Amino acid sequence: MPDEAYGAIMEFVPQSRDLGPPKVVATTLPFFARAAAVVGETWHELDQMAASLDQHAGQQSPDSPERVVIELMASGVRELARRLERTEGTLAAYLPAP
């Protein structure tokens, strides 16, 4: 994305009798685009982290307290990743279709 796309885009409407005073229209599109990208990257990383925790838990004995803790951590990380994935979908609704 070009550098200028990260700033607010403003459009000045010329003053006329019908329009009243000048108006400024700003878009938050760059914010939503960047937020969606960050959220997308983060939930993928969290998903990978949960998979790594699952692998580590598999190396522990079934009755190990460490295994229980690792499985709880993996479950929490996975839930956070699911929430971020839904957030990414919500943010994408504010972006124009490609």
PDB file of N, CA and C in Angstrom:
ATOM      1  N   MET A   1       0.852  -1.172   0.000  1.00  0.00           N
ATOM      2  CA  MET A   1       0.000   0.000   0.000  1.00  0.00           C
ATOM      3  C   MET A   1       0.897   1.234   0.000  1.00  0.00           C
ATOM      4  N   PRO A   2       0.641   2.224  -0.858  1.00  0.00           N
ATOM      5  CA  PRO A   2       1.493   3.408  -0.905  1.00  0.00           C
ATOM      6  C   PRO A   2       1.433   4.189   0.403  1.00  0.00           C
ATOM      7  N   ASP A   3       2.538   4.899   0.703  1.00  0.00           N
ATOM      8  CA  ASP A   3       2.622   5.646   1.951  1.00  0.00           C
ATOM      9  C   ASP A   3       1.485   6.632   2.110  1.00  0.00           C
ATOM     10  N   GLU A   4       1.103   7.287   1.037  1.00  0.00           N
ATOM     11  CA  GLU A   4       0.050   8.291   1.140  1.00  0.00           C
ATOM     12  C   GLU A   4      -1.304   7.668   1.482  1.00  0.00           C
ATOM     13  N   ALA A   5      -1.455   6.361   1.331  1.00  0.00           N
ATOM     14  CA  ALA A   5      -2.729   5.709   1.634  1.00  0.00           C
ATOM     15  C   ALA A   5      -2.962   5.575   3.136  1.00  0.00           C
ATOM     16  N   TYR A   6      -1.919   5.760   3.954  1.00  0.00           N
ATOM     17  CA  TYR A   6      -2.080   5.628   5.392  1.00  0.00           C
ATOM     18  C   TYR A   6      -2.588   6.903   6.045  1.00  0.00           C
ATOM     19  N   GLY A   7      -2.623   8.011   5.347  1.00  0.00           N
ATOM     20  CA  GLY A   7      -3.127   9.259   5.911  1.00  0.00           C
ATOM     21  C   GLY A   7      -4.586   9.448   5.555  1.00  0.00           C
ATOM     22  N   ALA A   8      -5.230  10.384   6.221  1.00  0.00           N
ATOM     23  CA  ALA A   8      -6.636  10.667   5.914  1.00  0.00           C
ATOM     24  C   ALA A   8      -6.715  11.344   4.552  1.00  0.00           C
ATOM     25  N   ILE A   9      -7.713  11.004   3.798  1.00  0.00           N
ATOM     26  CA  ILE A   9      -7.941  11.617   2.499  1.00  0.00           C
ATOM     27  C   ILE A   9      -9.045  12.645   2.699  1.00  0.00           C
ATOM     28  N   MET A  10      -8.762  13.881   2.314  1.00  0.00           N
ATOM     29  CA  MET A  10      -9.742  14.935   2.519  1.00  0.00           C
ATOM     30  C   MET A  10     -10.166  15.529   1.186  1.00  0.00           C
ATOM     31  N   GLU A  11     -11.406  15.874   1.125  1.00  0.00           N
ATOM     32  CA  GLU A  11     -11.948  16.473  -0.078  1.00  0.00           C
ATOM     33  C   GLU A  11     -12.668  17.752   0.342  1.00  0.00           C
ATOM     34  N   PHE A  12     -12.315  18.852  -0.275  1.00  0.00           N
ATOM     35  CA  PHE A  12     -12.946  20.124   0.050  1.00  0.00           C
ATOM     36  C   PHE A  12     -14.040  20.399  -0.970  1.00  0.00           C
ATOM     37  N   VAL A  13     -15.214  20.643  -0.473  1.00  0.00           N
ATOM     38  CA  VAL A  13     -16.350  20.948  -1.329  1.00  0.00           C
ATOM     39  C   VAL A  13     -16.411  22.463  -1.458  1.00  0.00           C
ATOM     40  N   PRO A  14     -16.426  22.988  -2.683  1.00  0.00           N
ATOM     41  CA  PRO A  14     -16.426  24.447  -2.848  1.00  0.00           C
ATOM     42  C   PRO A  14     -17.689  25.076  -2.254  1.00  0.00           C
ATOM     43  N   GLN A  15     -17.499  26.278  -1.738  1.00  0.00           N
ATOM     44  CA  GLN A  15     -18.628  26.983  -1.127  1.00  0.00           C
ATOM     45  C   GLN A  15     -19.538  27.546  -2.225  1.00  0.00           C
ATOM     46  N   SER A  16     -20.824  27.345  -2.049  1.00  0.00           N
ATOM     47  CA  SER A  16     -21.814  27.909  -2.965  1.00  0.00           C
ATOM     48  C   SER A  16     -23.070  28.213  -2.159  1.00  0.00           C
ATOM     49  N   ARG A  17     -23.996  28.913  -2.753  1.00  0.00           N
ATOM     50  CA  ARG A  17     -25.236  29.249  -2.034  1.00  0.00           C
ATOM     51  C   ARG A  17     -25.991  28.003  -1.602  1.00  0.00           C
ATOM     52  N   ASP A  18     -26.012  26.989  -2.432  1.00  0.00           N
ATOM     53  CA  ASP A  18     -26.790  25.782  -2.151  1.00  0.00           C
ATOM     54  C   ASP A  18     -26.137  24.890  -1.094  1.00  0.00           C
ATOM     55  N   LEU A  19     -24.826  24.870  -1.025  1.00  0.00           N
ATOM     56  CA  LEU A  19     -24.120  23.936  -0.152  1.00  0.00           C
ATOM     57  C   LEU A  19     -23.835  24.484   1.241  1.00  0.00           C
ATOM     58  N   GLY A  20     -23.904  25.779   1.442  1.00  0.00           N
ATOM     59  CA  GLY A  20     -23.560  26.342   2.746  1.00  0.00           C
ATOM     60  C   GLY A  20     -22.055  26.440   2.895  1.00  0.00           C
ATOM     61  N   PRO A  21     -21.554  26.372   4.125  1.00  0.00           N
ATOM     62  CA  PRO A  21     -20.107  26.505   4.345  1.00  0.00           C
ATOM     63  C   PRO A  21     -19.344  25.308   3.781  1.00  0.00           C
ATOM     64  N   PRO A  22     -18.034  25.476   3.543  1.00  0.00           N
ATOM     65  CA  PRO A  22     -17.232  24.355   3.014  1.00  0.00           C
ATOM     66  C   PRO A  22     -17.287  23.164   3.962  1.00  0.00           C
ATOM     67  N   LYS A  23     -17.261  21.956   3.389  1.00  0.00           N
ATOM     68  CA  LYS A  23     -17.305  20.727   4.176  1.00  0.00           C
ATOM     69  C   LYS A  23     -16.034  19.939   3.922  1.00  0.00           C
ATOM     70  N   VAL A  24     -15.583  19.228   4.938  1.00  0.00           N
ATOM     71  CA  VAL A  24     -14.420  18.365   4.805  1.00  0.00           C
ATOM     72  C   VAL A  24     -14.888  16.932   5.028  1.00  0.00           C
ATOM     73  N   VAL A  25     -14.567  16.059   4.083  1.00  0.00           N
ATOM     74  CA  VAL A  25     -14.927  14.655   4.190  1.00  0.00           C
ATOM     75  C   VAL A  25     -13.623  13.871   4.338  1.00  0.00           C
ATOM     76  N   ALA A  26     -13.493  13.124   5.419  1.00  0.00           N
ATOM     77  CA  ALA A  26     -12.280  12.317   5.641  1.00  0.00           C
ATOM     78  C   ALA A  26     -12.677  10.843   5.659  1.00  0.00           C
ATOM     79  N   THR A  27     -11.805  10.004   5.187  1.00  0.00           N
ATOM     80  CA  THR A  27     -12.084   8.571   5.171  1.00  0.00           C
ATOM     81  C   THR A  27     -11.201   7.866   6.188  1.00  0.00           C
ATOM     82  N   THR A  28     -11.746   6.829   6.786  1.00  0.00           N
ATOM     83  CA  THR A  28     -10.985   6.002   7.713  1.00  0.00           C
ATOM     84  C   THR A  28     -10.548   4.707   7.042  1.00  0.00           C
ATOM     85  N   LEU A  29     -10.705   4.622   5.732  1.00  0.00           N
ATOM     86  CA  LEU A  29     -10.350   3.422   4.989  1.00  0.00           C
ATOM     87  C   LEU A  29      -8.919   2.948   5.265  1.00  0.00           C
ATOM     88  N   PRO A  30      -7.914   3.840   5.272  1.00  0.00           N
ATOM     89  CA  PRO A  30      -6.559   3.358   5.562  1.00  0.00           C
ATOM     90  C   PRO A  30      -6.443   2.717   6.941  1.00  0.00           C
ATOM     91  N   PHE A  31      -7.161   3.258   7.920  1.00  0.00           N
ATOM     92  CA  PHE A  31      -7.134   2.672   9.263  1.00  0.00           C
ATOM     93  C   PHE A  31      -7.674   1.245   9.228  1.00  0.00           C
ATOM     94  N   PHE A  32      -8.834   1.053   8.603  1.00  0.00           N
ATOM     95  CA  PHE A  32      -9.428  -0.276   8.562  1.00  0.00           C
ATOM     96  C   PHE A  32      -8.574  -1.254   7.764  1.00  0.00           C
ATOM     97  N   ALA A  33      -7.944  -0.792   6.717  1.00  0.00           N
ATOM     98  CA  ALA A  33      -7.074  -1.661   5.916  1.00  0.00           C
ATOM     99  C   ALA A  33      -5.889  -2.140   6.751  1.00  0.00           C
ATOM    100  N   ARG A  34      -5.267  -1.222   7.465  1.00  0.00           N
ATOM    101  CA  ARG A  34      -4.108  -1.595   8.292  1.00  0.00           C
ATOM    102  C   ARG A  34      -4.537  -2.469   9.463  1.00  0.00           C
ATOM    103  N   ALA A  35      -5.645  -2.120  10.107  1.00  0.00           N
ATOM    104  CA  ALA A  35      -6.131  -2.910  11.238  1.00  0.00           C
ATOM    105  C   ALA A  35      -6.456  -4.340  10.796  1.00  0.00           C
ATOM    106  N   ALA A  36      -7.096  -4.488   9.646  1.00  0.00           N
ATOM    107  CA  ALA A  36      -7.425  -5.825   9.139  1.00  0.00           C
ATOM    108  C   ALA A  36      -6.160  -6.621   8.857  1.00  0.00           C
ATOM    109  N   ALA A  37      -5.135  -5.960   8.333  1.00  0.00           N
ATOM    110  CA  ALA A  37      -3.867  -6.654   8.047  1.00  0.00           C
ATOM    111  C   ALA A  37      -3.206  -7.125   9.337  1.00  0.00           C
ATOM    112  N   VAL A  38      -3.162  -6.268  10.344  1.00  0.00           N
ATOM    113  CA  VAL A  38      -2.527  -6.621  11.625  1.00  0.00           C
ATOM    114  C   VAL A  38      -3.292  -7.756  12.298  1.00  0.00           C
ATOM    115  N   VAL A  39      -4.611  -7.654  12.317  1.00  0.00           N
ATOM    116  CA  VAL A  39      -5.428  -8.699  12.934  1.00  0.00           C
ATOM    117  C   VAL A  39      -5.248 -10.019  12.197  1.00  0.00           C
ATOM    118  N   GLY A  40      -5.211  -9.973  10.865  1.00  0.00           N
ATOM    119  CA  GLY A  40      -5.018 -11.186  10.079  1.00  0.00           C
ATOM    120  C   GLY A  40      -3.688 -11.859  10.377  1.00  0.00           C
ATOM    121  N   GLU A  41      -2.638 -11.069  10.445  1.00  0.00           N
ATOM    122  CA  GLU A  41      -1.316 -11.616  10.764  1.00  0.00           C
ATOM    123  C   GLU A  41      -1.300 -12.209  12.169  1.00  0.00           C
ATOM    124  N   THR A  42      -1.915 -11.514  13.109  1.00  0.00           N
ATOM    125  CA  THR A  42      -1.871 -11.931  14.507  1.00  0.00           C
ATOM    126  C   THR A  42      -2.629 -13.227  14.728  1.00  0.00           C
ATOM    127  N   TRP A  43      -3.825 -13.369  14.162  1.00  0.00           N
ATOM    128  CA  TRP A  43      -4.562 -14.597  14.435  1.00  0.00           C
ATOM    129  C   TRP A  43      -3.889 -15.801  13.798  1.00  0.00           C
ATOM    130  N   HIS A  44      -3.218 -15.614  12.660  1.00  0.00           N
ATOM    131  CA  HIS A  44      -2.472 -16.728  12.051  1.00  0.00           C
ATOM    132  C   HIS A  44      -1.299 -17.133  12.944  1.00  0.00           C
ATOM    133  N   GLU A  45      -0.606 -16.146  13.509  1.00  0.00           N
ATOM    134  CA  GLU A  45       0.509 -16.443  14.417  1.00  0.00           C
ATOM    135  C   GLU A  45       0.031 -17.145  15.681  1.00  0.00           C
ATOM    136  N   LEU A  46      -1.117 -16.724  16.211  1.00  0.00           N
ATOM    137  CA  LEU A  46      -1.674 -17.374  17.397  1.00  0.00           C
ATOM    138  C   LEU A  46      -2.075 -18.810  17.091  1.00  0.00           C
ATOM    139  N   ASP A  47      -2.608 -19.044  15.920  1.00  0.00           N
ATOM    140  CA  ASP A  47      -2.985 -20.393  15.521  1.00  0.00           C
ATOM    141  C   ASP A  47      -1.747 -21.295  15.452  1.00  0.00           C
ATOM    142  N   GLN A  48      -0.665 -20.754  14.919  1.00  0.00           N
ATOM    143  CA  GLN A  48       0.592 -21.513  14.866  1.00  0.00           C
ATOM    144  C   GLN A  48       1.132 -21.779  16.272  1.00  0.00           C
ATOM    145  N   MET A  49       0.977 -20.793  17.167  1.00  0.00           N
ATOM    146  CA  MET A  49       1.434 -20.959  18.541  1.00  0.00           C
ATOM    147  C   MET A  49       0.644 -22.079  19.228  1.00  0.00           C
ATOM    148  N   ALA A  50      -0.664 -22.125  19.005  1.00  0.00           N
ATOM    149  CA  ALA A  50      -1.492 -23.174  19.598  1.00  0.00           C
ATOM    150  C   ALA A  50      -1.070 -24.543  19.080  1.00  0.00           C
ATOM    151  N   ALA A  51      -0.761 -24.641  17.798  1.00  0.00           N
ATOM    152  CA  ALA A  51      -0.303 -25.914  17.235  1.00  0.00           C
ATOM    153  C   ALA A  51       1.010 -26.351  17.870  1.00  0.00           C
ATOM    154  N   SER A  52       1.898 -25.409  18.105  1.00  0.00           N
ATOM    155  CA  SER A  52       3.172 -25.720  18.748  1.00  0.00           C
ATOM    156  C   SER A  52       2.945 -26.183  20.193  1.00  0.00           C
ATOM    157  N   LEU A  53       2.022 -25.531  20.888  1.00  0.00           N
ATOM    158  CA  LEU A  53       1.700 -25.955  22.254  1.00  0.00           C
ATOM    159  C   LEU A  53       1.103 -27.360  22.259  1.00  0.00           C
ATOM    160  N   ASP A  54       0.241 -27.655  21.285  1.00  0.00           N
ATOM    161  CA  ASP A  54      -0.325 -29.007  21.184  1.00  0.00           C
ATOM    162  C   ASP A  54       0.766 -30.049  20.997  1.00  0.00           C
ATOM    163  N   GLN A  55       1.725 -29.721  20.157  1.00  0.00           N
ATOM    164  CA  GLN A  55       2.830 -30.650  19.910  1.00  0.00           C
ATOM    165  C   GLN A  55       3.631 -30.874  21.194  1.00  0.00           C
ATOM    166  N   HIS A  56       3.880 -29.799  21.926  1.00  0.00           N
ATOM    167  CA  HIS A  56       4.632 -29.908  23.183  1.00  0.00           C
ATOM    168  C   HIS A  56       3.824 -30.697  24.211  1.00  0.00           C
ATOM    169  N   ALA A  57       2.519 -30.490  24.270  1.00  0.00           N
ATOM    170  CA  ALA A  57       1.671 -31.228  25.210  1.00  0.00           C
ATOM    171  C   ALA A  57       1.692 -32.718  24.890  1.00  0.00           C
ATOM    172  N   GLY A  58       1.749 -33.045  23.600  1.00  0.00           N
ATOM    173  CA  GLY A  58       1.791 -34.445  23.186  1.00  0.00           C
ATOM    174  C   GLY A  58       3.045 -35.165  23.651  1.00  0.00           C
ATOM    175  N   GLN A  59       4.080 -34.413  23.941  1.00  0.00           N
ATOM    176  CA  GLN A  59       5.335 -35.010  24.402  1.00  0.00           C
ATOM    177  C   GLN A  59       5.319 -35.286  25.906  1.00  0.00           C
ATOM    178  N   GLN A  60       4.320 -34.750  26.607  1.00  0.00           N
ATOM    179  CA  GLN A  60       4.204 -34.951  28.055  1.00  0.00           C
ATOM    180  C   GLN A  60       3.397 -36.220  28.332  1.00  0.00           C
ATOM    181  N   SER A  61       3.590 -36.784  29.513  1.00  0.00           N
ATOM    182  CA  SER A  61       2.792 -37.958  29.877  1.00  0.00           C
ATOM    183  C   SER A  61       1.334 -37.538  30.087  1.00  0.00           C
ATOM    184  N   PRO A  62       0.382 -38.439  29.817  1.00  0.00           N
ATOM    185  CA  PRO A  62      -1.040 -38.087  29.894  1.00  0.00           C
ATOM    186  C   PRO A  62      -1.493 -37.531  31.243  1.00  0.00           C
ATOM    187  N   ASP A  63      -0.883 -37.956  32.333  1.00  0.00           N
ATOM    188  CA  ASP A  63      -1.306 -37.487  33.657  1.00  0.00           C
ATOM    189  C   ASP A  63      -0.403 -36.376  34.214  1.00  0.00           C
ATOM    190  N   SER A  64       0.427 -35.829  33.376  1.00  0.00           N
ATOM    191  CA  SER A  64       1.372 -34.793  33.787  1.00  0.00           C
ATOM    192  C   SER A  64       0.659 -33.451  34.045  1.00  0.00           C
ATOM    193  N   PRO A  65       0.967 -32.795  35.169  1.00  0.00           N
ATOM    194  CA  PRO A  65       0.385 -31.465  35.416  1.00  0.00           C
ATOM    195  C   PRO A  65       0.826 -30.446  34.361  1.00  0.00           C
ATOM    196  N   GLU A  66       2.037 -30.608  33.835  1.00  0.00           N
ATOM    197  CA  GLU A  66       2.521 -29.720  32.784  1.00  0.00           C
ATOM    198  C   GLU A  66       1.652 -29.831  31.532  1.00  0.00           C
ATOM    199  N   ARG A  67       1.244 -31.058  31.233  1.00  0.00           N
ATOM    200  CA  ARG A  67       0.390 -31.275  30.053  1.00  0.00           C
ATOM    201  C   ARG A  67      -0.945 -30.541  30.210  1.00  0.00           C
ATOM    202  N   VAL A  68      -1.510 -30.607  31.408  1.00  0.00           N
ATOM    203  CA  VAL A  68      -2.786 -29.934  31.663  1.00  0.00           C
ATOM    204  C   VAL A  68      -2.639 -28.429  31.462  1.00  0.00           C
ATOM    205  N   VAL A  69      -1.564 -27.861  31.996  1.00  0.00           N
ATOM    206  CA  VAL A  69      -1.326 -26.422  31.865  1.00  0.00           C
ATOM    207  C   VAL A  69      -1.129 -26.048  30.394  1.00  0.00           C
ATOM    208  N   ILE A  70      -0.335 -26.825  29.668  1.00  0.00           N
ATOM    209  CA  ILE A  70      -0.067 -26.543  28.254  1.00  0.00           C
ATOM    210  C   ILE A  70      -1.357 -26.642  27.443  1.00  0.00           C
ATOM    211  N   GLU A  71      -2.187 -27.644  27.730  1.00  0.00           N
ATOM    212  CA  GLU A  71      -3.456 -27.785  27.012  1.00  0.00           C
ATOM    213  C   GLU A  71      -4.389 -26.605  27.303  1.00  0.00           C
ATOM    214  N   LEU A  72      -4.412 -26.123  28.539  1.00  0.00           N
ATOM    215  CA  LEU A  72      -5.218 -24.942  28.872  1.00  0.00           C
ATOM    216  C   LEU A  72      -4.701 -23.707  28.143  1.00  0.00           C
ATOM    217  N   MET A  73      -3.382 -23.568  28.082  1.00  0.00           N
ATOM    218  CA  MET A  73      -2.809 -22.431  27.352  1.00  0.00           C
ATOM    219  C   MET A  73      -3.170 -22.505  25.876  1.00  0.00           C
ATOM    220  N   ALA A  74      -3.047 -23.676  25.290  1.00  0.00           N
ATOM    221  CA  ALA A  74      -3.368 -23.845  23.868  1.00  0.00           C
ATOM    222  C   ALA A  74      -4.838 -23.527  23.606  1.00  0.00           C
ATOM    223  N   SER A  75      -5.698 -23.952  24.514  1.00  0.00           N
ATOM    224  CA  SER A  75      -7.128 -23.678  24.361  1.00  0.00           C
ATOM    225  C   SER A  75      -7.404 -22.172  24.419  1.00  0.00           C
ATOM    226  N   GLY A  76      -6.759 -21.468  25.345  1.00  0.00           N
ATOM    227  CA  GLY A  76      -6.925 -20.016  25.454  1.00  0.00           C
ATOM    228  C   GLY A  76      -6.397 -19.284  24.239  1.00  0.00           C
ATOM    229  N   VAL A  77      -5.254 -19.710  23.737  1.00  0.00           N
ATOM    230  CA  VAL A  77      -4.665 -19.092  22.551  1.00  0.00           C
ATOM    231  C   VAL A  77      -5.562 -19.319  21.343  1.00  0.00           C
ATOM    232  N   ARG A  78      -6.113 -20.534  21.222  1.00  0.00           N
ATOM    233  CA  ARG A  78      -7.005 -20.849  20.104  1.00  0.00           C
ATOM    234  C   ARG A  78      -8.282 -20.000  20.162  1.00  0.00           C
ATOM    235  N   GLU A  79      -8.827 -19.800  21.355  1.00  0.00           N
ATOM    236  CA  GLU A  79     -10.031 -18.976  21.500  1.00  0.00           C
ATOM    237  C   GLU A  79      -9.735 -17.531  21.099  1.00  0.00           C
ATOM    238  N   LEU A  80      -8.599 -17.018  21.501  1.00  0.00           N
ATOM    239  CA  LEU A  80      -8.199 -15.666  21.113  1.00  0.00           C
ATOM    240  C   LEU A  80      -8.038 -15.568  19.601  1.00  0.00           C
ATOM    241  N   ALA A  81      -7.438 -16.577  18.993  1.00  0.00           N
ATOM    242  CA  ALA A  81      -7.277 -16.589  17.535  1.00  0.00           C
ATOM    243  C   ALA A  81      -8.638 -16.592  16.839  1.00  0.00           C
ATOM    244  N   ARG A  82      -9.606 -17.360  17.363  1.00  0.00           N
ATOM    245  CA  ARG A  82     -10.952 -17.380  16.769  1.00  0.00           C
ATOM    246  C   ARG A  82     -11.614 -16.010  16.851  1.00  0.00           C
ATOM    247  N   ARG A  83     -11.451 -15.347  17.976  1.00  0.00           N
ATOM    248  CA  ARG A  83     -12.048 -14.011  18.133  1.00  0.00           C
ATOM    249  C   ARG A  83     -11.408 -13.011  17.172  1.00  0.00           C
ATOM    250  N   LEU A  84     -10.101 -13.100  17.027  1.00  0.00           N
ATOM    251  CA  LEU A  84      -9.424 -12.199  16.086  1.00  0.00           C
ATOM    252  C   LEU A  84      -9.824 -12.494  14.646  1.00  0.00           C
ATOM    253  N   GLU A  85     -10.041 -13.756  14.332  1.00  0.00           N
ATOM    254  CA  GLU A  85     -10.473 -14.109  12.979  1.00  0.00           C
ATOM    255  C   GLU A  85     -11.838 -13.475  12.688  1.00  0.00           C
ATOM    256  N   ARG A  86     -12.744 -13.510  13.660  1.00  0.00           N
ATOM    257  CA  ARG A  86     -14.052 -12.860  13.480  1.00  0.00           C
ATOM    258  C   ARG A  86     -13.891 -11.350  13.353  1.00  0.00           C
ATOM    259  N   THR A  87     -12.975 -10.771  14.121  1.00  0.00           N
ATOM    260  CA  THR A  87     -12.719  -9.330  14.040  1.00  0.00           C
ATOM    261  C   THR A  87     -12.195  -8.964  12.661  1.00  0.00           C
ATOM    262  N   GLU A  88     -11.332  -9.807  12.106  1.00  0.00           N
ATOM    263  CA  GLU A  88     -10.806  -9.560  10.771  1.00  0.00           C
ATOM    264  C   GLU A  88     -11.950  -9.500   9.755  1.00  0.00           C
ATOM    265  N   GLY A  89     -12.904 -10.393   9.888  1.00  0.00           N
ATOM    266  CA  GLY A  89     -14.054 -10.398   8.992  1.00  0.00           C
ATOM    267  C   GLY A  89     -14.884  -9.135   9.133  1.00  0.00           C
ATOM    268  N   THR A  90     -15.032  -8.664  10.348  1.00  0.00           N
ATOM    269  CA  THR A  90     -15.782  -7.429  10.598  1.00  0.00           C
ATOM    270  C   THR A  90     -15.072  -6.236   9.983  1.00  0.00           C
ATOM    271  N   LEU A  91     -13.757  -6.160  10.165  1.00  0.00           N
ATOM    272  CA  LEU A  91     -12.986  -5.055   9.586  1.00  0.00           C
ATOM    273  C   LEU A  91     -13.028  -5.107   8.059  1.00  0.00           C
ATOM    274  N   ALA A  92     -13.012  -6.300   7.515  1.00  0.00           N
ATOM    275  CA  ALA A  92     -13.024  -6.428   6.050  1.00  0.00           C
ATOM    276  C   ALA A  92     -14.310  -5.881   5.444  1.00  0.00           C
ATOM    277  N   ALA A  93     -15.377  -5.858   6.228  1.00  0.00           N
ATOM    278  CA  ALA A  93     -16.645  -5.319   5.728  1.00  0.00           C
ATOM    279  C   ALA A  93     -16.543  -3.836   5.404  1.00  0.00           C
ATOM    280  N   TYR A  94     -15.569  -3.149   6.010  1.00  0.00           N
ATOM    281  CA  TYR A  94     -15.387  -1.717   5.763  1.00  0.00           C
ATOM    282  C   TYR A  94     -14.470  -1.427   4.576  1.00  0.00           C
ATOM    283  N   LEU A  95     -13.897  -2.476   4.008  1.00  0.00           N
ATOM    284  CA  LEU A  95     -12.969  -2.292   2.880  1.00  0.00           C
ATOM    285  C   LEU A  95     -13.701  -2.525   1.568  1.00  0.00           C
ATOM    286  N   PRO A  96     -13.279  -1.799   0.525  1.00  0.00           N
ATOM    287  CA  PRO A  96     -13.907  -2.020  -0.779  1.00  0.00           C
ATOM    288  C   PRO A  96     -13.544  -3.400  -1.319  1.00  0.00           C
ATOM    289  N   ALA A  97     -14.425  -3.951  -2.115  1.00  0.00           N
ATOM    290  CA  ALA A  97     -14.165  -5.260  -2.727  1.00  0.00           C
ATOM    291  C   ALA A  97     -13.013  -5.109  -3.718  1.00  0.00           C
ATOM    292  N   PRO A  98     -12.125  -6.124  -3.749  1.00  0.00           N
ATOM    293  CA  PRO A  98     -10.972  -6.045  -4.682  1.00  0.00           C
ATOM    294  C   PRO A  98     -11.386  -6.125  -6.126  1.00  0.00           C
TER     295      PRO A  98
END
